[in-house]
C-alpha atoms as a PDB file:
ATOM      1  CA  MET A   1      -0.118   0.122   0.091  1.00  0.00           C
ATOM      2  CA  SER A   2       1.303   3.554  -0.821  1.00  0.00           C
ATOM      3  CA  ASP A   3       2.024   5.899   1.690  1.00  0.00           C
ATOM      4  CA  GLY A   4       1.485   8.996  -0.214  1.00  0.00           C
ATOM      5  CA  PRO A   5      -1.426  11.145  -1.326  1.00  0.00           C
ATOM      6  CA  GLU A   6      -4.631   9.643  -2.525  1.00  0.00           C
ATOM      7  CA  TRP A   7      -4.088   9.518  -6.589  1.00  0.00           C
ATOM      8  CA  SER A   8      -7.495  10.721  -8.284  1.00  0.00           C
ATOM      9  CA  ILE A   9      -8.504  10.461 -12.061  1.00  0.00           C
ATOM     10  CA  PRO A  10      -8.267  13.832 -13.064  1.00  0.00           C
ATOM     11  CA  GLU A  11     -11.656  15.587 -14.784  1.00  0.00           C
ATOM     12  CA  VAL A  12     -10.958  16.453 -18.318  1.00  0.00           C
ATOM     13  CA  ALA A  13     -13.956  17.080 -20.976  1.00  0.00           C
ATOM     14  CA  LEU A  14     -12.492  15.843 -24.950  1.00  0.00           C
ATOM     15  CA  ALA A  15     -13.400  17.214 -27.711  1.00  0.00           C
ATOM     16  CA  VAL A  16     -12.622  17.232 -31.298  1.00  0.00           C
ATOM     17  CA  ASP A  17     -11.817  20.300 -33.578  1.00  0.00           C
ATOM     18  CA  LEU A  18     -12.047  20.085 -37.468  1.00  0.00           C
ATOM     19  CA  ALA A  19      -9.100  22.290 -39.819  1.00  0.00           C
ATOM     20  CA  VAL A  20     -11.181  22.481 -42.922  1.00  0.00           C
ATOM     21  CA  LEU A  21      -8.605  23.562 -46.065  1.00  0.00           C
ATOM     22  CA  THR A  22      -9.342  24.020 -49.676  1.00  0.00           C
ATOM     23  CA  VAL A  23      -7.926  26.462 -52.643  1.00  0.00           C
ATOM     24  CA  HIS A  24     -10.542  29.036 -53.562  1.00  0.00           C
ATOM     25  CA  ASP A  25     -10.435  32.321 -55.119  1.00  0.00           C
ATOM     26  CA  GLY A  26      -6.707  31.596 -55.773  1.00  0.00           C
ATOM     27  CA  SER A  27      -6.235  31.449 -52.015  1.00  0.00           C
ATOM     28  CA  LEU A  28      -5.757  28.627 -49.159  1.00  0.00           C
ATOM     29  CA  GLN A  29      -8.445  28.791 -47.508  1.00  0.00           C
ATOM     30  CA  ILE A  30      -9.823  27.701 -44.249  1.00  0.00           C
ATOM     31  CA  MET A  31     -13.568  26.829 -43.021  1.00  0.00           C
ATOM     32  CA  LEU A  32     -14.403  28.924 -39.751  1.00  0.00           C
ATOM     33  CA  VAL A  33     -17.867  29.186 -37.808  1.00  0.00           C
ATOM     34  CA  LYS A  34     -18.636  32.515 -35.830  1.00  0.00           C
ATOM     35  CA  ARG A  35     -19.629  31.053 -32.002  1.00  0.00           C
ATOM     36  CA  GLY A  36     -23.094  31.148 -31.279  1.00  0.00           C
ATOM     37  CA  ILE A  37     -22.202  30.423 -27.351  1.00  0.00           C
ATOM     38  CA  PRO A  38     -20.181  31.858 -24.641  1.00  0.00           C
ATOM     39  CA  PRO A  39     -17.237  31.831 -24.628  1.00  0.00           C
ATOM     40  CA  TYR A  40     -16.028  34.022 -27.254  1.00  0.00           C
ATOM     41  CA  GLU A  41     -19.770  34.352 -28.738  1.00  0.00           C
ATOM     42  CA  GLY A  42     -19.703  35.910 -31.634  1.00  0.00           C
ATOM     43  CA  VAL A  43     -15.881  35.267 -32.480  1.00  0.00           C
ATOM     44  CA  LEU A  44     -14.673  32.965 -35.150  1.00  0.00           C
ATOM     45  CA  ALA A  45     -13.414  29.314 -34.249  1.00  0.00           C
ATOM     46  CA  LEU A  46     -13.032  26.433 -35.997  1.00  0.00           C
ATOM     47  CA  PRO A  47     -15.834  23.657 -36.163  1.00  0.00           C
ATOM     48  CA  GLY A  48     -16.038  21.679 -33.568  1.00  0.00           C
ATOM     49  CA  GLY A  49     -17.214  20.389 -29.938  1.00  0.00           C
ATOM     50  CA  PHE A  50     -17.650  17.920 -27.229  1.00  0.00           C
ATOM     51  CA  LEU A  51     -17.731  14.226 -27.601  1.00  0.00           C
ATOM     52  CA  ALA A  52     -21.720  13.296 -27.619  1.00  0.00           C
ATOM     53  CA  SER A  53     -21.238  10.354 -25.114  1.00  0.00           C
ATOM     54  CA  THR A  54     -18.664   8.438 -23.643  1.00  0.00           C
ATOM     55  CA  SER A  55     -19.114   5.975 -26.072  1.00  0.00           C
ATOM     56  CA  GLU A  56     -18.687   7.970 -29.056  1.00  0.00           C
ATOM     57  CA  ASP A  57     -16.214   7.526 -31.414  1.00  0.00           C
ATOM     58  CA  LEU A  58     -13.671   9.969 -32.241  1.00  0.00           C
ATOM     59  CA  ASP A  59     -14.328  10.045 -35.793  1.00  0.00           C
ATOM     60  CA  HIS A  60     -17.525   9.857 -35.935  1.00  0.00           C
ATOM     61  CA  ALA A  61     -17.536  12.976 -33.185  1.00  0.00           C
ATOM     62  CA  ALA A  62     -15.479  14.755 -36.158  1.00  0.00           C
ATOM     63  CA  ALA A  63     -18.251  13.516 -38.846  1.00  0.00           C
ATOM     64  CA  ARG A  64     -20.939  15.165 -36.620  1.00  0.00           C
ATOM     65  CA  GLU A  65     -19.837  17.996 -35.921  1.00  0.00           C
ATOM     66  CA  LEU A  66     -18.438  18.831 -39.442  1.00  0.00           C
ATOM     67  CA  SER A  67     -21.765  17.859 -40.342  1.00  0.00           C
ATOM     68  CA  GLU A  68     -24.048  20.166 -37.388  1.00  0.00           C
ATOM     69  CA  GLU A  69     -21.892  23.154 -37.635  1.00  0.00           C
ATOM     70  CA  THR A  70     -21.147  23.352 -41.474  1.00  0.00           C
ATOM     71  CA  GLY A  71     -23.306  21.399 -43.485  1.00  0.00           C
ATOM     72  CA  LEU A  72     -20.262  19.440 -45.044  1.00  0.00           C
ATOM     73  CA  GLU A  73     -20.088  15.820 -44.848  1.00  0.00           C
ATOM     74  CA  ALA A  74     -16.922  13.920 -43.899  1.00  0.00           C
ATOM     75  CA  LYS A  75     -17.112  11.510 -46.585  1.00  0.00           C
ATOM     76  CA  ALA A  76     -16.697  13.688 -49.478  1.00  0.00           C
ATOM     77  CA  LEU A  77     -13.238  14.924 -47.714  1.00  0.00           C
ATOM     78  CA  HIS A  78      -9.530  13.575 -47.170  1.00  0.00           C
ATOM     79  CA  LEU A  79      -9.826  14.164 -43.458  1.00  0.00           C
ATOM     80  CA  GLU A  80      -7.041  12.849 -40.675  1.00  0.00           C
ATOM     81  CA  GLN A  81      -5.678  13.433 -37.580  1.00  0.00           C
ATOM     82  CA  LEU A  82      -3.704  16.526 -37.172  1.00  0.00           C
ATOM     83  CA  ARG A  83      -2.681  16.522 -33.580  1.00  0.00           C
ATOM     84  CA  THR A  84      -4.145  16.878 -29.696  1.00  0.00           C
ATOM     85  CA  TYR A  85      -3.867  20.093 -27.450  1.00  0.00           C
ATOM     86  CA  GLY A  86      -4.086  19.910 -24.280  1.00  0.00           C
ATOM     87  CA  ALA A  87      -2.410  22.842 -22.466  1.00  0.00           C
ATOM     88  CA  PRO A  88      -4.240  23.734 -19.367  1.00  0.00           C
ATOM     89  CA  GLY A  89      -6.460  27.235 -19.877  1.00  0.00           C
ATOM     90  CA  ARG A  90      -6.828  26.797 -23.771  1.00  0.00           C
ATOM     91  CA  ASP A  91     -10.565  26.620 -22.639  1.00  0.00           C
ATOM     92  CA  PRO A  92     -11.441  28.976 -20.078  1.00  0.00           C
ATOM     93  CA  ARG A  93     -14.798  26.487 -18.810  1.00  0.00           C
ATOM     94  CA  GLN A  94     -13.097  23.630 -18.203  1.00  0.00           C
ATOM     95  CA  ARG A  95      -9.757  21.545 -18.809  1.00  0.00           C
ATOM     96  CA  VAL A  96     -10.333  20.522 -22.095  1.00  0.00           C
ATOM     97  CA  ILE A  97      -8.443  18.549 -24.617  1.00  0.00           C
ATOM     98  CA  THR A  98      -9.202  18.406 -28.244  1.00  0.00           C
ATOM     99  CA  VAL A  99      -8.208  16.126 -30.961  1.00  0.00           C
ATOM    100  CA  CYS A 100      -7.583  18.141 -34.238  1.00  0.00           C
ATOM    101  CA  TYR A 101      -8.766  16.714 -37.618  1.00  0.00           C
ATOM    102  CA  VAL A 102      -6.992  18.298 -40.448  1.00  0.00           C
ATOM    103  CA  ALA A 103      -9.351  18.137 -44.136  1.00  0.00           C
ATOM    104  CA  PHE A 104      -8.525  18.807 -47.667  1.00  0.00           C
ATOM    105  CA  SER A 105     -11.343  19.401 -50.257  1.00  0.00           C
ATOM    106  CA  PRO A 106     -11.166  20.449 -53.803  1.00  0.00           C
ATOM    107  CA  ARG A 107     -13.983  22.759 -54.012  1.00  0.00           C
ATOM    108  CA  LEU A 108     -16.072  23.253 -50.969  1.00  0.00           C
ATOM    109  CA  PRO A 109     -20.109  23.611 -51.356  1.00  0.00           C
ATOM    110  CA  THR A 110     -21.184  26.937 -49.494  1.00  0.00           C
ATOM    111  CA  PRO A 111     -21.347  25.977 -45.887  1.00  0.00           C
ATOM    112  CA  THR A 112     -24.524  26.116 -43.726  1.00  0.00           C
ATOM    113  CA  ALA A 113     -24.135  26.724 -40.145  1.00  0.00           C
ATOM    114  CA  GLY A 114     -25.862  24.851 -37.426  1.00  0.00           C
ATOM    115  CA  GLY A 115     -25.677  23.621 -33.617  1.00  0.00           C
ATOM    116  CA  ASP A 116     -23.487  26.270 -32.089  1.00  0.00           C
ATOM    117  CA  ALA A 117     -22.595  27.647 -35.022  1.00  0.00           C
ATOM    118  CA  ARG A 118     -24.149  31.296 -36.132  1.00  0.00           C
ATOM    119  CA  ALA A 119     -22.365  31.365 -39.294  1.00  0.00           C
ATOM    120  CA  ALA A 120     -20.003  29.276 -41.150  1.00  0.00           C
ATOM    121  CA  VAL A 121     -17.648  31.152 -43.908  1.00  0.00           C
ATOM    122  CA  LEU A 122     -14.795  30.954 -45.732  1.00  0.00           C
ATOM    123  CA  VAL A 123     -11.498  32.444 -44.603  1.00  0.00           C
ATOM    124  CA  PRO A 124      -7.979  33.019 -46.303  1.00  0.00           C
ATOM    125  CA  VAL A 125      -5.314  31.156 -44.042  1.00  0.00           C
ATOM    126  CA  GLU A 126      -3.270  34.471 -44.441  1.00  0.00           C
ATOM    127  CA  LYS A 127      -6.101  36.872 -42.699  1.00  0.00           C
ATOM    128  CA  ALA A 128      -7.258  34.089 -40.193  1.00  0.00           C
ATOM    129  CA  LEU A 129      -3.608  33.936 -39.038  1.00  0.00           C
ATOM    130  CA  ARG A 130      -3.276  38.412 -38.837  1.00  0.00           C
ATOM    131  CA  PRO A 131      -2.182  39.118 -35.354  1.00  0.00           C
ATOM    132  CA  ARG A 132      -5.296  41.467 -35.416  1.00  0.00           C
ATOM    133  CA  THR A 133      -7.837  38.728 -36.487  1.00  0.00           C
ATOM    134  CA  GLN A 134      -9.452  37.265 -33.244  1.00  0.00           C
ATOM    135  CA  ILE A 135     -10.086  33.527 -33.126  1.00  0.00           C
ATOM    136  CA  ALA A 136     -11.382  31.666 -30.377  1.00  0.00           C
ATOM    137  CA  PHE A 137      -9.540  29.478 -27.904  1.00  0.00           C
ATOM    138  CA  ASP A 138      -6.283  28.485 -29.239  1.00  0.00           C
ATOM    139  CA  HIS A 139      -7.341  28.072 -32.793  1.00  0.00           C
ATOM    140  CA  LYS A 140      -4.846  30.314 -34.358  1.00  0.00           C
ATOM    141  CA  LYS A 141      -2.367  28.085 -33.251  1.00  0.00           C
ATOM    142  CA  ILE A 142      -4.148  25.163 -34.829  1.00  0.00           C
ATOM    143  CA  ILE A 143      -4.719  27.022 -37.960  1.00  0.00           C
ATOM    144  CA  ALA A 144      -1.047  27.761 -38.562  1.00  0.00           C
ATOM    145  CA  ASP A 145       0.055  24.095 -37.553  1.00  0.00           C
ATOM    146  CA  ALA A 146      -2.754  22.684 -40.611  1.00  0.00           C
ATOM    147  CA  VAL A 147      -1.097  24.902 -42.640  1.00  0.00           C
ATOM    148  CA  GLU A 148       1.949  23.675 -42.028  1.00  0.00           C
ATOM    149  CA  ARG A 149       1.298  20.237 -42.077  1.00  0.00           C
ATOM    150  CA  THR A 150      -0.584  20.717 -45.741  1.00  0.00           C
ATOM    151  CA  ARG A 151       2.780  22.463 -47.168  1.00  0.00           C
ATOM    152  CA  SER A 152       5.247  19.883 -45.675  1.00  0.00           C
ATOM    153  CA  LYS A 153       2.629  17.297 -46.999  1.00  0.00           C
ATOM    154  CA  LEU A 154       2.742  18.552 -50.713  1.00  0.00           C
ATOM    155  CA  GLU A 155       6.405  17.728 -50.548  1.00  0.00           C
ATOM    156  CA  TYR A 156       6.765  14.016 -49.973  1.00  0.00           C
ATOM    157  CA  THR A 157       2.890  12.783 -50.912  1.00  0.00           C
ATOM    158  CA  THR A 158       0.177  13.395 -53.574  1.00  0.00           C
ATOM    159  CA  LEU A 159      -2.262  15.279 -51.558  1.00  0.00           C
ATOM    160  CA  ALA A 160      -1.631  18.249 -53.752  1.00  0.00           C
ATOM    161  CA  ALA A 161      -4.681  16.128 -56.512  1.00  0.00           C
ATOM    162  CA  ALA A 162      -7.102  16.109 -53.120  1.00  0.00           C
ATOM    163  CA  PHE A 163      -7.340  20.286 -53.746  1.00  0.00           C
ATOM    164  CA  CYS A 164      -7.932  19.353 -57.241  1.00  0.00           C
ATOM    165  CA  ALA A 165     -11.331  18.384 -59.319  1.00  0.00           C
ATOM    166  CA  PRO A 166     -11.691  14.867 -59.934  1.00  0.00           C
ATOM    167  CA  GLU A 167     -10.668  15.782 -63.595  1.00  0.00           C
ATOM    168  CA  PHE A 168      -7.287  18.686 -63.903  1.00  0.00           C
ATOM    169  CA  THR A 169      -4.949  19.813 -65.886  1.00  0.00           C
ATOM    170  CA  MET A 170      -1.223  20.030 -64.728  1.00  0.00           C
ATOM    171  CA  THR A 171      -1.334  23.930 -64.605  1.00  0.00           C
ATOM    172  CA  ASP A 172      -4.511  23.124 -62.351  1.00  0.00           C
ATOM    173  CA  LEU A 173      -2.261  21.301 -59.950  1.00  0.00           C
ATOM    174  CA  ARG A 174       0.367  23.298 -60.485  1.00  0.00           C
ATOM    175  CA  ASP A 175      -1.379  26.276 -59.251  1.00  0.00           C
ATOM    176  CA  VAL A 176      -2.072  24.288 -56.147  1.00  0.00           C
ATOM    177  CA  TYR A 177       1.360  23.707 -55.210  1.00  0.00           C
ATOM    178  CA  GLU A 178       2.296  27.480 -55.955  1.00  0.00           C
ATOM    179  CA  ILE A 179      -1.085  28.463 -53.812  1.00  0.00           C
ATOM    180  CA  VAL A 180      -0.149  26.386 -50.820  1.00  0.00           C
ATOM    181  CA  TRP A 181       3.611  26.999 -50.970  1.00  0.00           C
ATOM    182  CA  GLY A 182       3.160  30.809 -51.696  1.00  0.00           C
ATOM    183  CA  GLU A 183       5.839  30.776 -54.513  1.00  0.00           C
ATOM    184  CA  GLU A 184       6.196  30.326 -58.059  1.00  0.00           C
ATOM    185  CA  LEU A 185       7.133  26.877 -59.778  1.00  0.00           C
ATOM    186  CA  ASP A 186       8.672  26.357 -63.061  1.00  0.00           C
ATOM    187  CA  PRO A 187       6.222  25.073 -64.889  1.00  0.00           C
ATOM    188  CA  ARG A 188       8.838  22.461 -67.083  1.00  0.00           C
ATOM    189  CA  ASN A 189      10.631  21.239 -63.882  1.00  0.00           C
ATOM    190  CA  PHE A 190       7.971  20.765 -62.536  1.00  0.00           C
ATOM    191  CA  HIS A 191       6.300  18.971 -65.256  1.00  0.00           C
ATOM    192  CA  ARG A 192       9.114  16.750 -65.443  1.00  0.00           C
ATOM    193  CA  LYS A 193       9.245  15.862 -61.963  1.00  0.00           C
ATOM    194  CA  ILE A 194       5.285  14.891 -61.629  1.00  0.00           C
ATOM    195  CA  ILE A 195       5.219  13.078 -64.306  1.00  0.00           C
ATOM    196  CA  GLY A 196       8.482  11.158 -63.181  1.00  0.00           C
ATOM    197  CA  VAL A 197       6.392   9.890 -60.187  1.00  0.00           C
ATOM    198  CA  GLU A 198       4.699   6.817 -61.476  1.00  0.00           C
ATOM    199  CA  GLY A 199       1.341   6.070 -60.479  1.00  0.00           C
ATOM    200  CA  PHE A 200       0.647  10.307 -59.649  1.00  0.00           C
ATOM    201  CA  LEU A 201      -1.478  10.864 -62.224  1.00  0.00           C
ATOM    202  CA  VAL A 202      -3.649   8.905 -65.049  1.00  0.00           C
ATOM    203  CA  PRO A 203      -4.166  10.872 -68.374  1.00  0.00           C
ATOM    204  CA  THR A 204      -7.840  10.661 -69.361  1.00  0.00           C
ATOM    205  CA  GLY A 205      -6.934  10.948 -72.883  1.00  0.00           C
ATOM    206  CA  GLU A 206      -9.175  14.266 -73.104  1.00  0.00           C
ATOM    207  CA  ARG A 207      -7.900  17.832 -73.567  1.00  0.00           C
ATOM    208  CA  VAL A 208      -9.529  21.165 -72.636  1.00  0.00           C
ATOM    209  CA  SER A 209      -8.661  24.552 -74.337  1.00  0.00           C
ATOM    210  CA  ARG A 210      -8.931  27.193 -71.541  1.00  0.00           C
ATOM    211  CA  GLN A 211      -6.212  29.633 -72.664  1.00  0.00           C
ATOM    212  CA  PRO A 212      -4.946  30.257 -76.262  1.00  0.00           C
ATOM    213  CA  GLY A 213      -2.710  27.816 -77.689  1.00  0.00           C
ATOM    214  CA  ARG A 214      -2.654  23.837 -77.508  1.00  0.00           C
ATOM    215  CA  PRO A 215      -5.566  22.725 -75.625  1.00  0.00           C
ATOM    216  CA  ALA A 216      -4.137  21.160 -71.989  1.00  0.00           C
ATOM    217  CA  ALA A 217      -4.124  17.478 -71.177  1.00  0.00           C
ATOM    218  CA  LEU A 218      -6.712  16.320 -68.598  1.00  0.00           C
ATOM    219  CA  TYR A 219      -5.725  13.666 -65.679  1.00  0.00           C
ATOM    220  CA  ARG A 220      -6.966  12.035 -63.141  1.00  0.00           C
ATOM    221  CA  ARG A 221      -5.341  10.995 -59.295  1.00  0.00           C
ATOM    222  CA  GLY A 222      -3.302   7.815 -59.758  1.00  0.00           C
ATOM    223  CA  PRO A 223      -2.928   5.191 -56.964  1.00  0.00           C
ATOM    224  CA  ALA A 224       0.556   6.574 -55.936  1.00  0.00           C
ATOM    225  CA  THR A 225       0.335   8.240 -52.131  1.00  0.00           C
ATOM    226  CA  VAL A 226       4.182   9.236 -51.928  1.00  0.00           C
ATOM    227  CA  LEU A 227       6.326  11.293 -53.845  1.00  0.00           C
ATOM    228  CA  HIS A 228       9.763   9.692 -54.679  1.00  0.00           C
ATOM    229  CA  PRO A 229      11.896  11.592 -54.506  1.00  0.00           C
ATOM    230  CA  ALA A 230      10.270  14.249 -52.699  1.00  0.00           C
ATOM    231  CA  MET A 231       9.418  17.881 -54.280  1.00  0.00           C
ATOM    232  CA  LEU A 232      10.648  20.184 -51.920  1.00  0.00           C
ATOM    233  CA  ARG A 233       9.270  23.892 -51.780  1.00  0.00           C
ATOM    234  CA  SER A 234      11.844  26.627 -51.129  1.00  0.00           C
ATOM    235  CA  ARG A 235      12.955  27.469 -47.654  1.00  0.00           C
ATOM    236  CA  SER A 236      13.910  31.100 -48.493  1.00  0.00           C
END
């Protein structure tokens, strides 16, 4: 028997939050909701909330909160866990640990707010991360982490295609890299590197004319998930 102080399980609430990213109007944007209840009532935040019960699965809770607060369906998105956040004081109500998910979508439908959300909007990540932009809880930190995860994954995976429509051109794909990384890429070098990755793209056999000149080939996302060799962004 221990002679030390009696130990008890601390009371901790568990929540899920979602960082939903898309390329829209030439910029990387994130889905945010305007909170309809305290704390931070009326302030922008990531969609999310507490588990509905002790038996609810985390993935189910994330999908449920996404649907309730934005009207979006998780099955239509590329969804994965980002990390867990549990710093004391991150939520003024009580000790709250949140499991954050990051999702990627080519084109988000118009969000419809519901649940505890007063409104749901798309916000450019650059605007969301500005010091003067008020974001609830520690969600600005989560947004920054989600953006960095996205930028990093584009270097060594085929995730960029998840931001494209089912059929897309090489220019469409390059636009994703340039927007997410915030840098211009040489078209010829980009084309050579992408074509050199077996299984990244599958030609549809179709072409599309969007600008003067030769019609561009259309592609679909292939089975490959890893870029080898990696395509590194500039660190300048």
